[in-house]
Amino acid sequence: MQSASGKNALISRRTAIGGALTALLGAGGRLMAQGAVPDNPFIVLLDGVYQPVAQIPNLGLSAQNQNDGSYITTNIYRVSGLPGTTNQAVGSFFVSFSNPHCFYNLPGGAIEMVFTEQNVTFVSDGMGGQFMEGTFELTILEATGIYRRFEGGHNHMVDKLHFLANGSLDEHCFCIISH
């Protein structure tokens, strides 16, 4: 290879690959993550005390007309297969006890699901509250962004929801989402 000055310029394979990776990763991996897609399956954790929601934000889902004031929300955390590396909350989960639909607001898109089956038991926490422990099966009705390929797919939830004596709900639920 000859440079503009007429001198031979050799670039090692390692330098070329290293430069390309640096360009792809950009600032802290943000550029690569924007084009990344989740693994099949990917796993997220719903974790934290639920808070009431006056209105679910517009998630770009065509069937999202569930703003009846009955929804509550908690945080979504990355476990495996989801692009990125942060240990901080990466999204919000919205659910209602009076409606079978739930919504996942995730980096790169959103997902609407419907509960189809449950297998749960209730266990006293010994302090005036109780745990709901078990599994839920959900069907993915619609997905946007990097989650589109999951439409028609499945979510297997392994849940331990704590109904506290003070009326609060503390969630700890693994969601195994596949297409």
C-alpha atoms as a PDB file:
ATOM      1  CA  MET A   1       0.000   0.000   0.000  1.00  0.00           C
ATOM      2  CA  GLN A   2       1.366   3.426  -0.884  1.00  0.00           C
ATOM      3  CA  SER A   3       0.539   6.641   0.988  1.00  0.00           C
ATOM      4  CA  ALA A   4      -0.060  10.074  -0.591  1.00  0.00           C
ATOM      5  CA  SER A   5       3.566  10.957   0.097  1.00  0.00           C
ATOM      6  CA  GLY A   6       4.677   8.028  -2.017  1.00  0.00           C
ATOM      7  CA  LYS A   7       6.053   6.069   0.937  1.00  0.00           C
ATOM      8  CA  ASN A   8       4.880   2.581   1.727  1.00  0.00           C
ATOM      9  CA  ALA A   9       2.370   2.573   4.567  1.00  0.00           C
ATOM     10  CA  LEU A  10       1.717  -0.783   6.132  1.00  0.00           C
ATOM     11  CA  ILE A  11      -1.152  -1.321   8.535  1.00  0.00           C
ATOM     12  CA  SER A  12      -1.106  -4.488  10.535  1.00  0.00           C
ATOM     13  CA  ARG A  13      -4.182  -6.646  10.604  1.00  0.00           C
ATOM     14  CA  ARG A  14      -4.375  -6.178  14.391  1.00  0.00           C
ATOM     15  CA  THR A  15      -4.313  -2.367  14.029  1.00  0.00           C
ATOM     16  CA  ALA A  16      -7.025  -2.446  11.364  1.00  0.00           C
ATOM     17  CA  ILE A  17      -9.304  -4.736  13.376  1.00  0.00           C
ATOM     18  CA  GLY A  18      -8.654  -2.792  16.583  1.00  0.00           C
ATOM     19  CA  GLY A  19      -9.534   0.474  14.853  1.00  0.00           C
ATOM     20  CA  ALA A  20     -12.723  -0.981  13.425  1.00  0.00           C
ATOM     21  CA  LEU A  21     -13.788  -2.305  16.829  1.00  0.00           C
ATOM     22  CA  THR A  22     -13.061   1.042  18.446  1.00  0.00           C
ATOM     23  CA  ALA A  23     -15.205   2.786  15.839  1.00  0.00           C
ATOM     24  CA  LEU A  24     -18.062   0.296  16.310  1.00  0.00           C
ATOM     25  CA  LEU A  25     -17.984   0.490  20.079  1.00  0.00           C
ATOM     26  CA  GLY A  26     -17.800   4.257  20.118  1.00  0.00           C
ATOM     27  CA  ALA A  27     -18.391   5.885  23.491  1.00  0.00           C
ATOM     28  CA  GLY A  28     -18.907   3.058  25.954  1.00  0.00           C
ATOM     29  CA  GLY A  29     -20.490   0.676  23.441  1.00  0.00           C
ATOM     30  CA  ARG A  30     -23.472   2.916  22.672  1.00  0.00           C
ATOM     31  CA  LEU A  31     -23.145   2.760  18.876  1.00  0.00           C
ATOM     32  CA  MET A  32     -22.981  -1.004  18.768  1.00  0.00           C
ATOM     33  CA  ALA A  33     -25.886  -1.404  21.194  1.00  0.00           C
ATOM     34  CA  GLN A  34     -28.191   0.734  19.033  1.00  0.00           C
ATOM     35  CA  GLY A  35     -28.082  -1.807  16.216  1.00  0.00           C
ATOM     36  CA  ALA A  36     -27.934  -4.867  18.448  1.00  0.00           C
ATOM     37  CA  VAL A  37     -30.800  -7.292  18.812  1.00  0.00           C
ATOM     38  CA  PRO A  38     -31.784  -9.343  21.851  1.00  0.00           C
ATOM     39  CA  ASP A  39     -30.911 -13.018  22.049  1.00  0.00           C
ATOM     40  CA  ASN A  40     -33.615 -15.639  21.723  1.00  0.00           C
ATOM     41  CA  PRO A  41     -34.498 -16.121  24.495  1.00  0.00           C
ATOM     42  CA  PHE A  42     -33.570 -13.104  26.565  1.00  0.00           C
ATOM     43  CA  ILE A  43     -34.195 -12.748  30.295  1.00  0.00           C
ATOM     44  CA  VAL A  44     -35.169  -9.669  32.275  1.00  0.00           C
ATOM     45  CA  LEU A  45     -35.942  -9.172  35.957  1.00  0.00           C
ATOM     46  CA  LEU A  46     -38.960  -7.216  37.181  1.00  0.00           C
ATOM     47  CA  ASP A  47     -37.866  -5.930  40.560  1.00  0.00           C
ATOM     48  CA  GLY A  48     -39.028  -3.343  43.053  1.00  0.00           C
ATOM     49  CA  VAL A  49     -42.080  -1.904  44.772  1.00  0.00           C
ATOM     50  CA  TYR A  50     -44.911  -1.146  42.356  1.00  0.00           C
ATOM     51  CA  GLN A  51     -46.016   2.460  41.945  1.00  0.00           C
ATOM     52  CA  PRO A  52     -49.412   3.625  40.608  1.00  0.00           C
ATOM     53  CA  VAL A  53     -49.538   5.004  37.053  1.00  0.00           C
ATOM     54  CA  ALA A  54     -52.066   7.644  36.059  1.00  0.00           C
ATOM     55  CA  GLN A  55     -51.356   7.006  32.377  1.00  0.00           C
ATOM     56  CA  ILE A  56     -49.007   4.618  30.584  1.00  0.00           C
ATOM     57  CA  PRO A  57     -46.694   6.605  28.295  1.00  0.00           C
ATOM     58  CA  ASN A  58     -47.119   6.156  24.538  1.00  0.00           C
ATOM     59  CA  LEU A  59     -45.017   3.071  23.759  1.00  0.00           C
ATOM     60  CA  GLY A  60     -45.797   3.005  20.029  1.00  0.00           C
ATOM     61  CA  LEU A  61     -48.004  -0.077  20.354  1.00  0.00           C
ATOM     62  CA  SER A  62     -51.149   0.006  18.209  1.00  0.00           C
ATOM     63  CA  ALA A  63     -53.310  -1.800  20.779  1.00  0.00           C
ATOM     64  CA  GLN A  64     -52.175   0.320  23.696  1.00  0.00           C
ATOM     65  CA  ASN A  65     -55.466   1.783  24.876  1.00  0.00           C
ATOM     66  CA  GLN A  66     -55.235   0.512  28.416  1.00  0.00           C
ATOM     67  CA  ASN A  67     -55.106   3.837  30.246  1.00  0.00           C
ATOM     68  CA  ASP A  68     -57.920   3.190  32.692  1.00  0.00           C
ATOM     69  CA  GLY A  69     -55.966   4.222  35.814  1.00  0.00           C
ATOM     70  CA  SER A  70     -55.646   0.650  37.101  1.00  0.00           C
ATOM     71  CA  TYR A  71     -52.029   0.099  36.030  1.00  0.00           C
ATOM     72  CA  ILE A  72     -49.012  -0.053  38.297  1.00  0.00           C
ATOM     73  CA  THR A  73     -45.336  -0.045  37.318  1.00  0.00           C
ATOM     74  CA  THR A  74     -41.997  -1.401  38.479  1.00  0.00           C
ATOM     75  CA  ASN A  75     -38.454  -1.498  37.102  1.00  0.00           C
ATOM     76  CA  ILE A  76     -36.998  -3.859  34.519  1.00  0.00           C
ATOM     77  CA  TYR A  77     -33.377  -5.012  34.858  1.00  0.00           C
ATOM     78  CA  ARG A  78     -31.189  -6.800  32.323  1.00  0.00           C
ATOM     79  CA  VAL A  79     -30.287 -10.416  33.200  1.00  0.00           C
ATOM     80  CA  SER A  80     -29.079 -12.002  29.950  1.00  0.00           C
ATOM     81  CA  GLY A  81     -29.420 -11.662  26.199  1.00  0.00           C
ATOM     82  CA  LEU A  82     -30.468  -8.008  26.192  1.00  0.00           C
ATOM     83  CA  PRO A  83     -28.060  -5.577  24.479  1.00  0.00           C
ATOM     84  CA  GLY A  84     -26.012  -3.380  26.813  1.00  0.00           C
ATOM     85  CA  THR A  85     -24.157  -3.807  30.051  1.00  0.00           C
ATOM     86  CA  THR A  86     -25.659  -1.569  32.731  1.00  0.00           C
ATOM     87  CA  ASN A  87     -26.764  -2.979  36.087  1.00  0.00           C
ATOM     88  CA  GLN A  88     -29.201  -0.077  36.481  1.00  0.00           C
ATOM     89  CA  ALA A  89     -32.903  -0.316  35.625  1.00  0.00           C
ATOM     90  CA  VAL A  90     -33.283  -0.382  31.836  1.00  0.00           C
ATOM     91  CA  GLY A  91     -37.036  -0.079  31.497  1.00  0.00           C
ATOM     92  CA  SER A  92     -40.503  -0.128  33.015  1.00  0.00           C
ATOM     93  CA  PHE A  93     -43.112  -2.861  33.348  1.00  0.00           C
ATOM     94  CA  PHE A  94     -46.813  -1.949  33.453  1.00  0.00           C
ATOM     95  CA  VAL A  95     -49.511  -4.335  34.724  1.00  0.00           C
ATOM     96  CA  SER A  96     -53.080  -4.226  36.062  1.00  0.00           C
ATOM     97  CA  PHE A  97     -54.956  -6.787  38.156  1.00  0.00           C
ATOM     98  CA  SER A  98     -58.156  -5.915  36.290  1.00  0.00           C
ATOM     99  CA  ASN A  99     -56.744  -6.309  32.762  1.00  0.00           C
ATOM    100  CA  PRO A 100     -54.888  -9.304  31.277  1.00  0.00           C
ATOM    101  CA  HIS A 101     -52.533  -7.086  29.216  1.00  0.00           C
ATOM    102  CA  CYS A 102     -49.103  -5.935  30.338  1.00  0.00           C
ATOM    103  CA  PHE A 103     -46.474  -3.742  28.714  1.00  0.00           C
ATOM    104  CA  TYR A 104     -42.667  -3.790  28.694  1.00  0.00           C
ATOM    105  CA  ASN A 105     -40.945  -0.495  27.895  1.00  0.00           C
ATOM    106  CA  LEU A 106     -37.388  -1.577  27.029  1.00  0.00           C
ATOM    107  CA  PRO A 107     -34.335   0.014  25.408  1.00  0.00           C
ATOM    108  CA  GLY A 108     -34.922  -0.128  21.659  1.00  0.00           C
ATOM    109  CA  GLY A 109     -38.673  -0.835  21.719  1.00  0.00           C
ATOM    110  CA  ALA A 110     -41.719  -2.046  23.605  1.00  0.00           C
ATOM    111  CA  ILE A 111     -43.713  -5.262  23.969  1.00  0.00           C
ATOM    112  CA  GLU A 112     -47.390  -5.914  24.712  1.00  0.00           C
ATOM    113  CA  MET A 113     -48.326  -9.286  26.193  1.00  0.00           C
ATOM    114  CA  VAL A 114     -51.435 -11.004  27.478  1.00  0.00           C
ATOM    115  CA  PHE A 115     -51.561 -13.414  30.416  1.00  0.00           C
ATOM    116  CA  THR A 116     -52.815 -16.841  29.306  1.00  0.00           C
ATOM    117  CA  GLU A 117     -52.105 -19.222  32.187  1.00  0.00           C
ATOM    118  CA  GLN A 118     -50.969 -19.191  35.803  1.00  0.00           C
ATOM    119  CA  ASN A 119     -49.845 -21.675  38.423  1.00  0.00           C
ATOM    120  CA  VAL A 120     -49.409 -19.857  41.736  1.00  0.00           C
ATOM    121  CA  THR A 121     -49.695 -20.452  45.454  1.00  0.00           C
ATOM    122  CA  PHE A 122     -49.900 -18.020  48.358  1.00  0.00           C
ATOM    123  CA  VAL A 123     -47.617 -18.316  51.376  1.00  0.00           C
ATOM    124  CA  SER A 124     -47.749 -16.211  54.549  1.00  0.00           C
ATOM    125  CA  ASP A 125     -44.730 -13.975  55.148  1.00  0.00           C
ATOM    126  CA  GLY A 126     -45.300 -14.235  58.938  1.00  0.00           C
ATOM    127  CA  MET A 127     -45.693 -10.436  59.226  1.00  0.00           C
ATOM    128  CA  GLY A 128     -49.269  -9.872  58.056  1.00  0.00           C
ATOM    129  CA  GLY A 129     -48.529 -10.121  54.343  1.00  0.00           C
ATOM    130  CA  GLN A 130     -48.123 -12.944  51.889  1.00  0.00           C
ATOM    131  CA  PHE A 131     -46.054 -14.115  48.950  1.00  0.00           C
ATOM    132  CA  MET A 132     -47.571 -15.143  45.646  1.00  0.00           C
ATOM    133  CA  GLU A 133     -45.144 -17.694  44.206  1.00  0.00           C
ATOM    134  CA  GLY A 134     -45.351 -19.499  40.894  1.00  0.00           C
ATOM    135  CA  THR A 135     -45.344 -19.141  37.150  1.00  0.00           C
ATOM    136  CA  PHE A 136     -47.288 -17.254  34.509  1.00  0.00           C
ATOM    137  CA  GLU A 137     -47.457 -17.888  30.778  1.00  0.00           C
ATOM    138  CA  LEU A 138     -47.945 -14.962  28.416  1.00  0.00           C
ATOM    139  CA  THR A 139     -48.345 -14.546  24.661  1.00  0.00           C
ATOM    140  CA  ILE A 140     -46.626 -11.642  22.925  1.00  0.00           C
ATOM    141  CA  LEU A 141     -49.270  -9.708  20.999  1.00  0.00           C
ATOM    142  CA  GLU A 142     -47.180  -6.876  19.577  1.00  0.00           C
ATOM    143  CA  ALA A 143     -43.590  -5.695  19.682  1.00  0.00           C
ATOM    144  CA  THR A 144     -41.780  -2.644  18.333  1.00  0.00           C
ATOM    145  CA  GLY A 145     -38.194  -1.765  17.484  1.00  0.00           C
ATOM    146  CA  ILE A 146     -35.569  -4.440  18.067  1.00  0.00           C
ATOM    147  CA  TYR A 147     -38.229  -6.745  19.592  1.00  0.00           C
ATOM    148  CA  ARG A 148     -40.437  -7.073  16.460  1.00  0.00           C
ATOM    149  CA  ARG A 149     -39.275 -10.647  15.802  1.00  0.00           C
ATOM    150  CA  PHE A 150     -40.764 -11.671  19.178  1.00  0.00           C
ATOM    151  CA  GLU A 151     -44.372 -10.963  18.067  1.00  0.00           C
ATOM    152  CA  GLY A 152     -46.392 -14.138  18.505  1.00  0.00           C
ATOM    153  CA  GLY A 153     -43.751 -15.427  20.909  1.00  0.00           C
ATOM    154  CA  HIS A 154     -43.897 -16.429  24.534  1.00  0.00           C
ATOM    155  CA  ASN A 155     -42.962 -15.216  28.010  1.00  0.00           C
ATOM    156  CA  HIS A 156     -42.483 -17.662  30.872  1.00  0.00           C
ATOM    157  CA  MET A 157     -42.529 -15.717  34.163  1.00  0.00           C
ATOM    158  CA  VAL A 158     -41.123 -17.139  37.384  1.00  0.00           C
ATOM    159  CA  ASP A 159     -42.609 -14.865  40.017  1.00  0.00           C
ATOM    160  CA  LYS A 160     -42.368 -14.115  43.718  1.00  0.00           C
ATOM    161  CA  LEU A 161     -44.668 -11.168  44.412  1.00  0.00           C
ATOM    162  CA  HIS A 162     -44.729  -9.945  48.013  1.00  0.00           C
ATOM    163  CA  PHE A 163     -48.064  -8.507  49.168  1.00  0.00           C
ATOM    164  CA  LEU A 164     -46.815  -6.459  52.129  1.00  0.00           C
ATOM    165  CA  ALA A 165     -48.978  -5.861  55.202  1.00  0.00           C
ATOM    166  CA  ASN A 166     -49.010  -2.118  54.398  1.00  0.00           C
ATOM    167  CA  GLY A 167     -50.683  -2.808  51.024  1.00  0.00           C
ATOM    168  CA  SER A 168     -47.552  -2.353  48.892  1.00  0.00           C
ATOM    169  CA  LEU A 169     -46.502  -4.910  46.302  1.00  0.00           C
ATOM    170  CA  ASP A 170     -42.820  -5.820  46.017  1.00  0.00           C
ATOM    171  CA  GLU A 171     -42.012  -7.688  42.804  1.00  0.00           C
ATOM    172  CA  HIS A 172     -39.225 -10.153  42.048  1.00  0.00           C
ATOM    173  CA  CYS A 173     -39.974 -11.864  38.725  1.00  0.00           C
ATOM    174  CA  PHE A 174     -37.753 -13.408  36.059  1.00  0.00           C
ATOM    175  CA  CYS A 175     -39.175 -13.163  32.527  1.00  0.00           C
ATOM    176  CA  ILE A 176     -37.857 -15.596  29.925  1.00  0.00           C
ATOM    177  CA  ILE A 177     -38.944 -14.097  26.604  1.00  0.00           C
ATOM    178  CA  SER A 178     -38.677 -16.086  23.372  1.00  0.00           C
ATOM    179  CA  HIS A 179     -40.037 -16.160  19.841  1.00  0.00           C
END
